[in-house]
Amino acid sequence: MKKGLTVLLVVTVLLSFSLIGFGQTSVFDISKANPPKAIPSSDMTIFVIVKASQDEHWQTVLDGAEKAANHFGVEFIHQEAQAESDISRQVSILETAISTNPDAIVLAPTVADALVPGIEKAMDSGIPVIIVDSMANTDNYVSFLGSNSYKIGQIAADEMAKALERENGSPSGKVAAITWMSGVQTAADRISGFVDRIEEAYPDIEVVSVRDPMGQPGNTLNITLDLLTAYPDLDGLYNVAQMGGNEMVRALDMEGRKDLAVVVVDASPQQIWGLENGYVDAVIAQQPWVMGYAGVAYAVMARNGVPLAKNAEIGISVITKESLASGEADALINPVEYYKDW
């Protein structure tokens, strides 16, 4: 039964990602591997590096990755920096991973440039690299698996407009956005998608401020409080990342502010609490558990030269009070529990 489930999952991953990828395929040259031939997954070691240990989002990615490792019978190793702002630590971990000569590396690069030398070194050393969540500024990798962050920003703008219409009677008002950290491409794309969509589709919505907490815990809470003071006529707030979204919800709760249109990204328990209690209007949800599972599945297949999508998009969903009540968002809000019996 378990073997049949694993085969089904592999086929599903291959078919779905090949269909929604961007058309280009990628094949790792196993003649560079050690040994230079296909090997059983039970003989493989997969090294997984996410962005931070202190973030629920990355713990969910790791849970999915570990589940895939169990299904495929691979040795699963993971290391990560404590905080996303510790970029030098992630660079160092990648160097450590390469030195252990694993059969593949699954990496979520915190910034687009700093991890490039390590990624290219791994590939040139015969270690296939699967990139998840955030792109790096190199084409020298096997596959990228992640959400379209620009599209997340666009969807967030549409949800903001809907919330403002409910609040004000029309999609109009002053809104502010808070990113996560300069240099993080996913955060930049989520801001760009949001601002561009507002400008092209909602002329009566004004983005009055875009703030950067520099990836430091606590900064988003203070920025949110500052925005509420600096713009007493503020109508809406948007946050692009899980930790920042959590802090935004806490700040709104501290101030008792349920009168704003609020859109956040990543579906943490704190954000879902905010949705249930009137502080949040919409949560834009990725699928971090699926990302982790698929990252390891792709790593196993890449090591043995299976043709894979070069760039594969993992879906995005919007969670509202209605979808919470219906149960259709269960796999998004608590994926560890939802998938525990796989």
C-alpha atoms as a PDB file:
ATOM      1  CA  MET A   1       0.000   0.000   0.000  1.00  0.00           C
ATOM      2  CA  LYS A   2       2.734   2.429   0.989  1.00  0.00           C
ATOM      3  CA  LYS A   3       4.746   1.569  -2.124  1.00  0.00           C
ATOM      4  CA  GLY A   4       1.701   2.135  -4.324  1.00  0.00           C
ATOM      5  CA  LEU A   5       1.071   5.486  -2.658  1.00  0.00           C
ATOM      6  CA  THR A   6       4.663   6.543  -3.263  1.00  0.00           C
ATOM      7  CA  VAL A   7       4.434   5.651  -6.957  1.00  0.00           C
ATOM      8  CA  LEU A   8       1.172   7.572  -7.240  1.00  0.00           C
ATOM      9  CA  LEU A   9       2.712  10.622  -5.619  1.00  0.00           C
ATOM     10  CA  VAL A  10       5.742  10.537  -7.898  1.00  0.00           C
ATOM     11  CA  VAL A  11       3.551  10.314 -10.988  1.00  0.00           C
ATOM     12  CA  THR A  12       1.371  13.148  -9.711  1.00  0.00           C
ATOM     13  CA  VAL A  13       4.393  15.353  -9.056  1.00  0.00           C
ATOM     14  CA  LEU A  14       5.867  14.633 -12.472  1.00  0.00           C
ATOM     15  CA  LEU A  15       2.671  15.161 -14.429  1.00  0.00           C
ATOM     16  CA  SER A  16       1.315  18.187 -12.600  1.00  0.00           C
ATOM     17  CA  PHE A  17       4.602  20.086 -12.501  1.00  0.00           C
ATOM     18  CA  SER A  18       5.462  19.240 -16.104  1.00  0.00           C
ATOM     19  CA  LEU A  19       2.092  20.589 -17.194  1.00  0.00           C
ATOM     20  CA  ILE A  20       2.231  23.848 -15.253  1.00  0.00           C
ATOM     21  CA  GLY A  21       5.948  24.498 -15.623  1.00  0.00           C
ATOM     22  CA  PHE A  22       7.151  27.059 -18.102  1.00  0.00           C
ATOM     23  CA  GLY A  23       7.789  24.562 -20.903  1.00  0.00           C
ATOM     24  CA  GLN A  24      11.533  24.081 -20.545  1.00  0.00           C
ATOM     25  CA  THR A  25      12.837  20.725 -19.328  1.00  0.00           C
ATOM     26  CA  SER A  26      16.078  19.950 -17.556  1.00  0.00           C
ATOM     27  CA  VAL A  27      18.141  16.759 -17.288  1.00  0.00           C
ATOM     28  CA  PHE A  28      21.022  16.343 -14.845  1.00  0.00           C
ATOM     29  CA  ASP A  29      24.066  14.683 -16.401  1.00  0.00           C
ATOM     30  CA  ILE A  30      24.540  11.647 -14.160  1.00  0.00           C
ATOM     31  CA  SER A  31      27.943  10.954 -15.696  1.00  0.00           C
ATOM     32  CA  LYS A  32      29.137  13.704 -13.323  1.00  0.00           C
ATOM     33  CA  ALA A  33      27.646  11.979 -10.272  1.00  0.00           C
ATOM     34  CA  ASN A  34      29.403   9.609  -7.889  1.00  0.00           C
ATOM     35  CA  PRO A  35      28.903   6.871  -8.928  1.00  0.00           C
ATOM     36  CA  PRO A  36      28.202   7.945 -12.532  1.00  0.00           C
ATOM     37  CA  LYS A  37      25.040   5.868 -12.913  1.00  0.00           C
ATOM     38  CA  ALA A  38      21.500   5.612 -11.586  1.00  0.00           C
ATOM     39  CA  ILE A  39      21.282   4.312  -8.023  1.00  0.00           C
ATOM     40  CA  PRO A  40      18.420   3.132  -5.762  1.00  0.00           C
ATOM     41  CA  SER A  41      16.836   5.911  -3.737  1.00  0.00           C
ATOM     42  CA  SER A  42      17.634   3.903  -0.603  1.00  0.00           C
ATOM     43  CA  ASP A  43      21.324   4.575  -1.301  1.00  0.00           C
ATOM     44  CA  MET A  44      20.837   8.355  -1.629  1.00  0.00           C
ATOM     45  CA  THR A  45      21.534  11.196   0.784  1.00  0.00           C
ATOM     46  CA  ILE A  46      19.561  14.402   0.223  1.00  0.00           C
ATOM     47  CA  PHE A  47      20.734  17.603   1.957  1.00  0.00           C
ATOM     48  CA  VAL A  48      17.976  20.195   2.488  1.00  0.00           C
ATOM     49  CA  ILE A  49      18.716  23.833   3.331  1.00  0.00           C
ATOM     50  CA  VAL A  50      15.826  26.207   4.059  1.00  0.00           C
ATOM     51  CA  LYS A  51      16.071  29.853   5.044  1.00  0.00           C
ATOM     52  CA  ALA A  52      15.539  29.802   8.821  1.00  0.00           C
ATOM     53  CA  SER A  53      14.743  27.538  11.741  1.00  0.00           C
ATOM     54  CA  GLN A  54      12.605  30.035  13.654  1.00  0.00           C
ATOM     55  CA  ASP A  55       9.870  30.372  11.035  1.00  0.00           C
ATOM     56  CA  GLU A  56       6.783  28.109  10.933  1.00  0.00           C
ATOM     57  CA  HIS A  57       6.760  28.317   7.139  1.00  0.00           C
ATOM     58  CA  TRP A  58      10.162  26.635   6.896  1.00  0.00           C
ATOM     59  CA  GLN A  59       9.287  24.035   9.504  1.00  0.00           C
ATOM     60  CA  THR A  60       6.351  23.095   7.278  1.00  0.00           C
ATOM     61  CA  VAL A  61       8.652  22.832   4.248  1.00  0.00           C
ATOM     62  CA  LEU A  62      10.948  20.552   6.248  1.00  0.00           C
ATOM     63  CA  ASP A  63       8.049  18.359   7.355  1.00  0.00           C
ATOM     64  CA  GLY A  64       7.060  17.802   3.727  1.00  0.00           C
ATOM     65  CA  ALA A  65      10.675  17.122   2.788  1.00  0.00           C
ATOM     66  CA  GLU A  66      11.073  14.593   5.590  1.00  0.00           C
ATOM     67  CA  LYS A  67       7.859  12.827   4.567  1.00  0.00           C
ATOM     68  CA  ALA A  68       9.189  12.465   1.017  1.00  0.00           C
ATOM     69  CA  ALA A  69      12.513  11.215   2.364  1.00  0.00           C
ATOM     70  CA  ASN A  70      10.656   8.526   4.297  1.00  0.00           C
ATOM     71  CA  HIS A  71       8.617   7.534   1.254  1.00  0.00           C
ATOM     72  CA  PHE A  72      11.673   7.243  -0.970  1.00  0.00           C
ATOM     73  CA  GLY A  73      13.899   5.735   1.715  1.00  0.00           C
ATOM     74  CA  VAL A  74      16.634   8.351   1.355  1.00  0.00           C
ATOM     75  CA  GLU A  75      18.900   9.626   4.115  1.00  0.00           C
ATOM     76  CA  PHE A  76      17.579  13.075   4.998  1.00  0.00           C
ATOM     77  CA  ILE A  77      19.902  15.788   6.317  1.00  0.00           C
ATOM     78  CA  HIS A  78      18.884  19.382   6.941  1.00  0.00           C
ATOM     79  CA  GLN A  79      20.613  22.460   8.325  1.00  0.00           C
ATOM     80  CA  GLU A  80      19.461  26.055   8.383  1.00  0.00           C
ATOM     81  CA  ALA A  81      20.349  29.435   9.828  1.00  0.00           C
ATOM     82  CA  GLN A  82      18.359  30.559  12.845  1.00  0.00           C
ATOM     83  CA  ALA A  83      17.161  33.736  11.111  1.00  0.00           C
ATOM     84  CA  GLU A  84      16.742  34.680   7.466  1.00  0.00           C
ATOM     85  CA  SER A  85      18.867  37.763   8.011  1.00  0.00           C
ATOM     86  CA  ASP A  86      21.918  35.535   8.690  1.00  0.00           C
ATOM     87  CA  ILE A  87      22.808  35.136   5.028  1.00  0.00           C
ATOM     88  CA  SER A  88      26.461  34.340   5.704  1.00  0.00           C
ATOM     89  CA  ARG A  89      25.350  31.353   7.775  1.00  0.00           C
ATOM     90  CA  GLN A  90      23.307  29.972   4.887  1.00  0.00           C
ATOM     91  CA  VAL A  91      26.282  30.396   2.553  1.00  0.00           C
ATOM     92  CA  SER A  92      28.414  28.480   5.054  1.00  0.00           C
ATOM     93  CA  ILE A  93      25.829  25.684   5.359  1.00  0.00           C
ATOM     94  CA  LEU A  94      25.772  25.279   1.590  1.00  0.00           C
ATOM     95  CA  GLU A  95      29.566  24.936   1.571  1.00  0.00           C
ATOM     96  CA  THR A  96      29.290  22.306   4.295  1.00  0.00           C
ATOM     97  CA  ALA A  97      26.657  20.434   2.311  1.00  0.00           C
ATOM     98  CA  ILE A  98      28.873  20.360  -0.798  1.00  0.00           C
ATOM     99  CA  SER A  99      31.815  19.070   1.237  1.00  0.00           C
ATOM    100  CA  THR A 100      29.761  16.045   2.380  1.00  0.00           C
ATOM    101  CA  ASN A 101      29.089  15.112  -1.270  1.00  0.00           C
ATOM    102  CA  PRO A 102      25.371  14.298  -0.976  1.00  0.00           C
ATOM    103  CA  ASP A 103      23.474  12.856  -3.917  1.00  0.00           C
ATOM    104  CA  ALA A 104      21.439  16.066  -4.257  1.00  0.00           C
ATOM    105  CA  ILE A 105      20.823  19.383  -2.522  1.00  0.00           C
ATOM    106  CA  VAL A 106      17.450  21.070  -2.034  1.00  0.00           C
ATOM    107  CA  LEU A 107      17.965  24.780  -1.351  1.00  0.00           C
ATOM    108  CA  ALA A 108      15.773  27.780  -0.564  1.00  0.00           C
ATOM    109  CA  PRO A 109      18.195  30.678  -1.162  1.00  0.00           C
ATOM    110  CA  THR A 110      17.510  33.641   1.087  1.00  0.00           C
ATOM    111  CA  VAL A 111      18.886  36.166  -1.407  1.00  0.00           C
ATOM    112  CA  ALA A 112      19.365  35.973  -5.148  1.00  0.00           C
ATOM    113  CA  ASP A 113      23.132  36.546  -5.405  1.00  0.00           C
ATOM    114  CA  ALA A 114      25.018  35.295  -2.353  1.00  0.00           C
ATOM    115  CA  LEU A 115      24.206  31.601  -2.882  1.00  0.00           C
ATOM    116  CA  VAL A 116      25.096  31.555  -6.595  1.00  0.00           C
ATOM    117  CA  PRO A 117      28.764  30.506  -6.207  1.00  0.00           C
ATOM    118  CA  GLY A 118      27.743  27.583  -3.987  1.00  0.00           C
ATOM    119  CA  ILE A 119      24.940  26.497  -6.295  1.00  0.00           C
ATOM    120  CA  GLU A 120      27.242  26.520  -9.315  1.00  0.00           C
ATOM    121  CA  LYS A 121      30.006  24.753  -7.380  1.00  0.00           C
ATOM    122  CA  ALA A 122      27.601  21.979  -6.387  1.00  0.00           C
ATOM    123  CA  MET A 123      26.363  21.502  -9.939  1.00  0.00           C
ATOM    124  CA  ASP A 124      29.906  21.535 -11.336  1.00  0.00           C
ATOM    125  CA  SER A 125      30.879  18.956  -8.699  1.00  0.00           C
ATOM    126  CA  GLY A 126      28.206  16.533  -9.843  1.00  0.00           C
ATOM    127  CA  ILE A 127      25.615  17.355  -7.152  1.00  0.00           C
ATOM    128  CA  PRO A 128      22.216  18.255  -8.633  1.00  0.00           C
ATOM    129  CA  VAL A 129      20.576  21.277  -7.026  1.00  0.00           C
ATOM    130  CA  ILE A 130      16.826  21.733  -6.689  1.00  0.00           C
ATOM    131  CA  ILE A 131      15.893  25.304  -5.780  1.00  0.00           C
ATOM    132  CA  VAL A 132      12.657  25.934  -3.892  1.00  0.00           C
ATOM    133  CA  ASP A 133      10.667  29.034  -2.949  1.00  0.00           C
ATOM    134  CA  SER A 134      13.071  31.744  -4.164  1.00  0.00           C
ATOM    135  CA  MET A 135      15.076  31.987  -7.361  1.00  0.00           C
ATOM    136  CA  ALA A 136      18.818  32.610  -7.483  1.00  0.00           C
ATOM    137  CA  ASN A 137      20.585  34.606 -10.183  1.00  0.00           C
ATOM    138  CA  THR A 138      21.902  31.601 -12.093  1.00  0.00           C
ATOM    139  CA  ASP A 139      20.580  29.125 -14.638  1.00  0.00           C
ATOM    140  CA  ASN A 140      22.945  26.429 -13.382  1.00  0.00           C
ATOM    141  CA  TYR A 141      20.460  24.333 -11.404  1.00  0.00           C
ATOM    142  CA  VAL A 142      18.197  21.413 -12.263  1.00  0.00           C
ATOM    143  CA  SER A 143      14.738  22.657 -11.276  1.00  0.00           C
ATOM    144  CA  PHE A 144      13.056  25.518  -9.470  1.00  0.00           C
ATOM    145  CA  LEU A 145       9.855  24.779  -7.529  1.00  0.00           C
ATOM    146  CA  GLY A 146       7.928  27.687  -6.097  1.00  0.00           C
ATOM    147  CA  SER A 147       5.012  30.044  -6.160  1.00  0.00           C
ATOM    148  CA  ASN A 148       4.830  32.927  -8.603  1.00  0.00           C
ATOM    149  CA  SER A 149       5.542  35.754  -6.176  1.00  0.00           C
ATOM    150  CA  TYR A 150       4.628  38.516  -8.604  1.00  0.00           C
ATOM    151  CA  LYS A 151       1.253  36.834  -9.045  1.00  0.00           C
ATOM    152  CA  ILE A 152       0.879  36.663  -5.250  1.00  0.00           C
ATOM    153  CA  GLY A 153       1.246  40.443  -5.197  1.00  0.00           C
ATOM    154  CA  GLN A 154      -1.343  40.840  -7.941  1.00  0.00           C
ATOM    155  CA  ILE A 155      -3.825  38.588  -6.151  1.00  0.00           C
ATOM    156  CA  ALA A 156      -3.184  40.484  -2.917  1.00  0.00           C
ATOM    157  CA  ALA A 157      -4.037  43.748  -4.693  1.00  0.00           C
ATOM    158  CA  ASP A 158      -7.308  42.285  -5.973  1.00  0.00           C
ATOM    159  CA  GLU A 159      -8.186  41.027  -2.488  1.00  0.00           C
ATOM    160  CA  MET A 160      -7.304  44.436  -1.034  1.00  0.00           C
ATOM    161  CA  ALA A 161      -9.645  46.090  -3.539  1.00  0.00           C
ATOM    162  CA  LYS A 162     -12.472  43.710  -2.582  1.00  0.00           C
ATOM    163  CA  ALA A 163     -11.930  44.396   1.119  1.00  0.00           C
ATOM    164  CA  LEU A 164     -11.829  48.164   0.572  1.00  0.00           C
ATOM    165  CA  GLU A 165     -15.068  47.963  -1.400  1.00  0.00           C
ATOM    166  CA  ARG A 166     -16.702  46.166   1.520  1.00  0.00           C
ATOM    167  CA  GLU A 167     -15.347  48.768   3.949  1.00  0.00           C
ATOM    168  CA  ASN A 168     -15.754  51.956   1.886  1.00  0.00           C
ATOM    169  CA  GLY A 169     -18.367  51.080  -0.706  1.00  0.00           C
ATOM    170  CA  SER A 170     -15.790  51.289  -3.492  1.00  0.00           C
ATOM    171  CA  PRO A 171     -12.224  50.038  -4.166  1.00  0.00           C
ATOM    172  CA  SER A 172     -10.636  53.232  -2.889  1.00  0.00           C
ATOM    173  CA  GLY A 173      -8.489  54.531  -0.064  1.00  0.00           C
ATOM    174  CA  LYS A 174      -4.949  54.779   1.262  1.00  0.00           C
ATOM    175  CA  VAL A 175      -2.945  51.600   1.831  1.00  0.00           C
ATOM    176  CA  ALA A 176       0.551  50.734   2.997  1.00  0.00           C
ATOM    177  CA  ALA A 177       2.689  47.686   2.298  1.00  0.00           C
ATOM    178  CA  ILE A 178       5.425  46.045   4.357  1.00  0.00           C
ATOM    179  CA  THR A 179       8.017  43.839   2.671  1.00  0.00           C
ATOM    180  CA  TRP A 180      10.352  41.443   4.528  1.00  0.00           C
ATOM    181  CA  MET A 181      13.987  42.094   3.644  1.00  0.00           C
ATOM    182  CA  SER A 182      15.869  43.880   0.880  1.00  0.00           C
ATOM    183  CA  GLY A 183      17.561  41.460  -1.494  1.00  0.00           C
ATOM    184  CA  VAL A 184      14.938  38.739  -1.053  1.00  0.00           C
ATOM    185  CA  GLN A 185      13.524  38.329  -4.555  1.00  0.00           C
ATOM    186  CA  THR A 186      10.222  36.758  -3.494  1.00  0.00           C
ATOM    187  CA  ALA A 187       9.481  39.716  -1.218  1.00  0.00           C
ATOM    188  CA  ALA A 188      10.434  42.227  -3.916  1.00  0.00           C
ATOM    189  CA  ASP A 189       8.215  40.472  -6.458  1.00  0.00           C
ATOM    190  CA  ARG A 190       5.258  40.410  -4.067  1.00  0.00           C
ATOM    191  CA  ILE A 191       5.600  44.154  -3.569  1.00  0.00           C
ATOM    192  CA  SER A 192       6.025  44.842  -7.298  1.00  0.00           C
ATOM    193  CA  GLY A 193       3.030  42.689  -8.214  1.00  0.00           C
ATOM    194  CA  PHE A 194       0.903  44.471  -5.624  1.00  0.00           C
ATOM    195  CA  VAL A 195       1.922  48.016  -6.578  1.00  0.00           C
ATOM    196  CA  ASP A 196       1.725  47.361 -10.331  1.00  0.00           C
ATOM    197  CA  ARG A 197      -1.733  45.806 -10.072  1.00  0.00           C
ATOM    198  CA  ILE A 198      -3.006  48.714  -7.953  1.00  0.00           C
ATOM    199  CA  GLU A 199      -1.680  51.218 -10.481  1.00  0.00           C
ATOM    200  CA  GLU A 200      -3.138  49.438 -13.504  1.00  0.00           C
ATOM    201  CA  ALA A 201      -6.535  48.422 -12.127  1.00  0.00           C
ATOM    202  CA  TYR A 202      -7.474  50.565  -9.130  1.00  0.00           C
ATOM    203  CA  PRO A 203      -6.890  54.282  -9.728  1.00  0.00           C
ATOM    204  CA  ASP A 204      -8.662  55.278  -6.512  1.00  0.00           C
ATOM    205  CA  ILE A 205      -6.337  53.247  -4.292  1.00  0.00           C
ATOM    206  CA  GLU A 206      -3.149  55.027  -3.235  1.00  0.00           C
ATOM    207  CA  VAL A 207      -0.105  53.164  -1.903  1.00  0.00           C
ATOM    208  CA  VAL A 208       1.179  55.763   0.563  1.00  0.00           C
ATOM    209  CA  SER A 209       4.143  53.821   1.966  1.00  0.00           C
ATOM    210  CA  VAL A 210       6.248  50.700   1.425  1.00  0.00           C
ATOM    211  CA  ARG A 211       8.344  49.805   4.452  1.00  0.00           C
ATOM    212  CA  ASP A 212      11.217  47.354   5.005  1.00  0.00           C
ATOM    213  CA  PRO A 213      11.728  45.605   8.389  1.00  0.00           C
ATOM    214  CA  MET A 214      15.104  44.282   7.190  1.00  0.00           C
ATOM    215  CA  GLY A 215      14.224  40.712   8.142  1.00  0.00           C
ATOM    216  CA  GLN A 216      14.468  41.447  11.853  1.00  0.00           C
ATOM    217  CA  PRO A 217      11.890  39.974  14.263  1.00  0.00           C
ATOM    218  CA  GLY A 218       9.903  42.703  15.984  1.00  0.00           C
ATOM    219  CA  ASN A 219      10.444  45.353  13.322  1.00  0.00           C
ATOM    220  CA  THR A 220       7.180  44.715  11.467  1.00  0.00           C
ATOM    221  CA  LEU A 221       5.167  45.120  14.664  1.00  0.00           C
ATOM    222  CA  ASN A 222       6.785  48.509  15.275  1.00  0.00           C
ATOM    223  CA  ILE A 223       6.414  49.552  11.640  1.00  0.00           C
ATOM    224  CA  THR A 224       2.723  48.684  11.733  1.00  0.00           C
ATOM    225  CA  LEU A 225       2.197  50.771  14.854  1.00  0.00           C
ATOM    226  CA  ASP A 226       4.143  53.626  13.272  1.00  0.00           C
ATOM    227  CA  LEU A 227       2.046  53.484  10.091  1.00  0.00           C
ATOM    228  CA  LEU A 228      -1.170  53.633  12.111  1.00  0.00           C
ATOM    229  CA  THR A 229       0.115  56.784  13.795  1.00  0.00           C
ATOM    230  CA  ALA A 230       1.666  58.401  10.713  1.00  0.00           C
ATOM    231  CA  TYR A 231      -1.443  57.806   8.578  1.00  0.00           C
ATOM    232  CA  PRO A 232      -4.534  58.202  10.786  1.00  0.00           C
ATOM    233  CA  ASP A 233      -6.686  57.973   7.649  1.00  0.00           C
ATOM    234  CA  LEU A 234      -5.076  54.710   6.501  1.00  0.00           C
ATOM    235  CA  ASP A 235      -7.551  52.270   4.974  1.00  0.00           C
ATOM    236  CA  GLY A 236      -5.504  49.133   4.339  1.00  0.00           C
ATOM    237  CA  LEU A 237      -2.342  47.134   5.072  1.00  0.00           C
ATOM    238  CA  TYR A 238      -0.528  44.427   3.106  1.00  0.00           C
ATOM    239  CA  ASN A 239       2.288  42.200   4.322  1.00  0.00           C
ATOM    240  CA  VAL A 240       4.298  39.830   2.138  1.00  0.00           C
ATOM    241  CA  ALA A 241       5.699  37.198   4.549  1.00  0.00           C
ATOM    242  CA  GLN A 242       4.691  34.919   7.381  1.00  0.00           C
ATOM    243  CA  MET A 243       6.699  36.386  10.264  1.00  0.00           C
ATOM    244  CA  GLY A 244       5.833  39.909   9.244  1.00  0.00           C
ATOM    245  CA  GLY A 245       2.177  39.010   8.803  1.00  0.00           C
ATOM    246  CA  ASN A 246       2.147  37.522  12.299  1.00  0.00           C
ATOM    247  CA  GLU A 247       3.542  40.733  13.763  1.00  0.00           C
ATOM    248  CA  MET A 248       1.099  42.862  11.789  1.00  0.00           C
ATOM    249  CA  VAL A 249      -1.803  40.892  13.242  1.00  0.00           C
ATOM    250  CA  ARG A 250      -0.392  41.298  16.758  1.00  0.00           C
ATOM    251  CA  ALA A 251      -0.028  45.048  16.279  1.00  0.00           C
ATOM    252  CA  LEU A 252      -3.608  45.373  15.031  1.00  0.00           C
ATOM    253  CA  ASP A 253      -4.804  43.309  17.983  1.00  0.00           C
ATOM    254  CA  MET A 254      -2.866  45.530  20.404  1.00  0.00           C
ATOM    255  CA  GLU A 255      -4.572  48.589  18.923  1.00  0.00           C
ATOM    256  CA  GLY A 256      -7.986  46.947  18.517  1.00  0.00           C
ATOM    257  CA  ARG A 257      -8.020  47.914  14.830  1.00  0.00           C
ATOM    258  CA  LYS A 258     -10.568  45.857  12.933  1.00  0.00           C
ATOM    259  CA  ASP A 259     -11.531  48.752  10.671  1.00  0.00           C
ATOM    260  CA  LEU A 260      -8.753  48.266   8.103  1.00  0.00           C
ATOM    261  CA  ALA A 261      -8.625  46.168   4.944  1.00  0.00           C
ATOM    262  CA  VAL A 262      -5.781  43.707   5.618  1.00  0.00           C
ATOM    263  CA  VAL A 263      -4.172  41.140   3.329  1.00  0.00           C
ATOM    264  CA  VAL A 264      -1.304  38.888   4.440  1.00  0.00           C
ATOM    265  CA  VAL A 265       0.697  36.032   2.933  1.00  0.00           C
ATOM    266  CA  ASP A 266       1.521  32.484   4.125  1.00  0.00           C
ATOM    267  CA  ALA A 267      -1.348  31.185   6.306  1.00  0.00           C
ATOM    268  CA  SER A 268       0.292  30.845   9.721  1.00  0.00           C
ATOM    269  CA  PRO A 269      -1.830  30.090  12.809  1.00  0.00           C
ATOM    270  CA  GLN A 270      -1.494  33.740  13.886  1.00  0.00           C
ATOM    271  CA  GLN A 271      -2.749  34.961  10.527  1.00  0.00           C
ATOM    272  CA  ILE A 272      -5.648  32.510  10.544  1.00  0.00           C
ATOM    273  CA  TRP A 273      -6.532  33.716  14.048  1.00  0.00           C
ATOM    274  CA  GLY A 274      -6.542  37.248  12.649  1.00  0.00           C
ATOM    275  CA  LEU A 275      -8.868  36.136   9.856  1.00  0.00           C
ATOM    276  CA  GLU A 276     -11.239  34.431  12.286  1.00  0.00           C
ATOM    277  CA  ASN A 277     -11.284  37.418  14.632  1.00  0.00           C
ATOM    278  CA  GLY A 278     -11.795  40.243  12.147  1.00  0.00           C
ATOM    279  CA  TYR A 279      -8.273  41.666  11.857  1.00  0.00           C
ATOM    280  CA  VAL A 280      -7.528  40.117   8.444  1.00  0.00           C
ATOM    281  CA  ASP A 281      -9.684  40.026   5.297  1.00  0.00           C
ATOM    282  CA  ALA A 282      -7.718  37.588   3.140  1.00  0.00           C
ATOM    283  CA  VAL A 283      -4.722  35.297   3.463  1.00  0.00           C
ATOM    284  CA  ILE A 284      -2.765  34.437   0.319  1.00  0.00           C
ATOM    285  CA  ALA A 285      -1.598  30.869   0.844  1.00  0.00           C
ATOM    286  CA  GLN A 286       1.277  29.005  -0.729  1.00  0.00           C
ATOM    287  CA  GLN A 287       1.796  25.268  -0.310  1.00  0.00           C
ATOM    288  CA  PRO A 288       5.043  24.970   1.690  1.00  0.00           C
ATOM    289  CA  TRP A 289       4.451  21.328   2.640  1.00  0.00           C
ATOM    290  CA  VAL A 290       4.003  20.366  -1.003  1.00  0.00           C
ATOM    291  CA  MET A 291       7.080  22.442  -1.866  1.00  0.00           C
ATOM    292  CA  GLY A 292       9.183  20.475   0.612  1.00  0.00           C
ATOM    293  CA  TYR A 293       7.816  17.116  -0.493  1.00  0.00           C
ATOM    294  CA  ALA A 294       8.249  17.916  -4.166  1.00  0.00           C
ATOM    295  CA  GLY A 295      11.751  19.284  -3.578  1.00  0.00           C
ATOM    296  CA  VAL A 296      12.973  15.929  -2.275  1.00  0.00           C
ATOM    297  CA  ALA A 297      11.007  13.993  -4.924  1.00  0.00           C
ATOM    298  CA  TYR A 298      12.608  16.118  -7.619  1.00  0.00           C
ATOM    299  CA  ALA A 299      16.034  15.656  -6.009  1.00  0.00           C
ATOM    300  CA  VAL A 300      15.692  11.863  -6.148  1.00  0.00           C
ATOM    301  CA  MET A 301      14.618  11.937  -9.773  1.00  0.00           C
ATOM    302  CA  ALA A 302      17.240  14.524 -10.753  1.00  0.00           C
ATOM    303  CA  ARG A 303      20.043  12.374  -9.308  1.00  0.00           C
ATOM    304  CA  ASN A 304      19.095   9.570 -11.686  1.00  0.00           C
ATOM    305  CA  GLY A 305      18.753  11.730 -14.784  1.00  0.00           C
ATOM    306  CA  VAL A 306      14.948  11.908 -15.021  1.00  0.00           C
ATOM    307  CA  PRO A 307      13.840  14.799 -17.291  1.00  0.00           C
ATOM    308  CA  LEU A 308      12.139  17.435 -15.136  1.00  0.00           C
ATOM    309  CA  ALA A 309      10.522  20.825 -15.595  1.00  0.00           C
ATOM    310  CA  LYS A 310      13.185  23.521 -15.335  1.00  0.00           C
ATOM    311  CA  ASN A 311      10.754  25.886 -13.617  1.00  0.00           C
ATOM    312  CA  ALA A 312       7.590  24.564 -11.975  1.00  0.00           C
ATOM    313  CA  GLU A 313       4.950  26.707 -10.358  1.00  0.00           C
ATOM    314  CA  ILE A 314       3.300  25.511  -7.165  1.00  0.00           C
ATOM    315  CA  GLY A 315      -0.239  26.803  -6.725  1.00  0.00           C
ATOM    316  CA  ILE A 316      -1.543  29.811  -4.822  1.00  0.00           C
ATOM    317  CA  SER A 317      -4.876  30.003  -2.992  1.00  0.00           C
ATOM    318  CA  VAL A 318      -6.874  32.692  -1.211  1.00  0.00           C
ATOM    319  CA  ILE A 319      -8.226  31.872   2.240  1.00  0.00           C
ATOM    320  CA  THR A 320     -11.271  33.775   3.461  1.00  0.00           C
ATOM    321  CA  LYS A 321     -13.667  33.280   6.362  1.00  0.00           C
ATOM    322  CA  GLU A 322     -15.928  31.412   3.976  1.00  0.00           C
ATOM    323  CA  SER A 323     -13.281  28.896   2.898  1.00  0.00           C
ATOM    324  CA  LEU A 324     -12.306  28.392   6.531  1.00  0.00           C
ATOM    325  CA  ALA A 325     -15.878  27.558   7.447  1.00  0.00           C
ATOM    326  CA  SER A 326     -16.323  25.155   4.529  1.00  0.00           C
ATOM    327  CA  GLY A 327     -13.166  23.162   5.362  1.00  0.00           C
ATOM    328  CA  GLU A 328     -11.740  23.599   1.866  1.00  0.00           C
ATOM    329  CA  ALA A 329      -8.709  25.373   3.306  1.00  0.00           C
ATOM    330  CA  ASP A 330      -7.747  22.606   5.757  1.00  0.00           C
ATOM    331  CA  ALA A 331      -4.724  21.412   3.755  1.00  0.00           C
ATOM    332  CA  LEU A 332      -3.458  24.990   3.573  1.00  0.00           C
ATOM    333  CA  ILE A 333      -3.857  26.061   7.202  1.00  0.00           C
ATOM    334  CA  ASN A 334      -2.552  22.893   8.866  1.00  0.00           C
ATOM    335  CA  PRO A 335      -0.700  20.823   6.262  1.00  0.00           C
ATOM    336  CA  VAL A 336       1.410  18.909   8.811  1.00  0.00           C
ATOM    337  CA  GLU A 337      -1.738  17.498  10.385  1.00  0.00           C
ATOM    338  CA  TYR A 338      -3.526  17.101   7.055  1.00  0.00           C
ATOM    339  CA  TYR A 339      -0.734  15.020   5.505  1.00  0.00           C
ATOM    340  CA  LYS A 340       0.446  13.178   8.628  1.00  0.00           C
ATOM    341  CA  ASP A 341      -0.952   9.798   7.544  1.00  0.00           C
ATOM    342  CA  TRP A 342       0.475   9.837   4.032  1.00  0.00           C
END
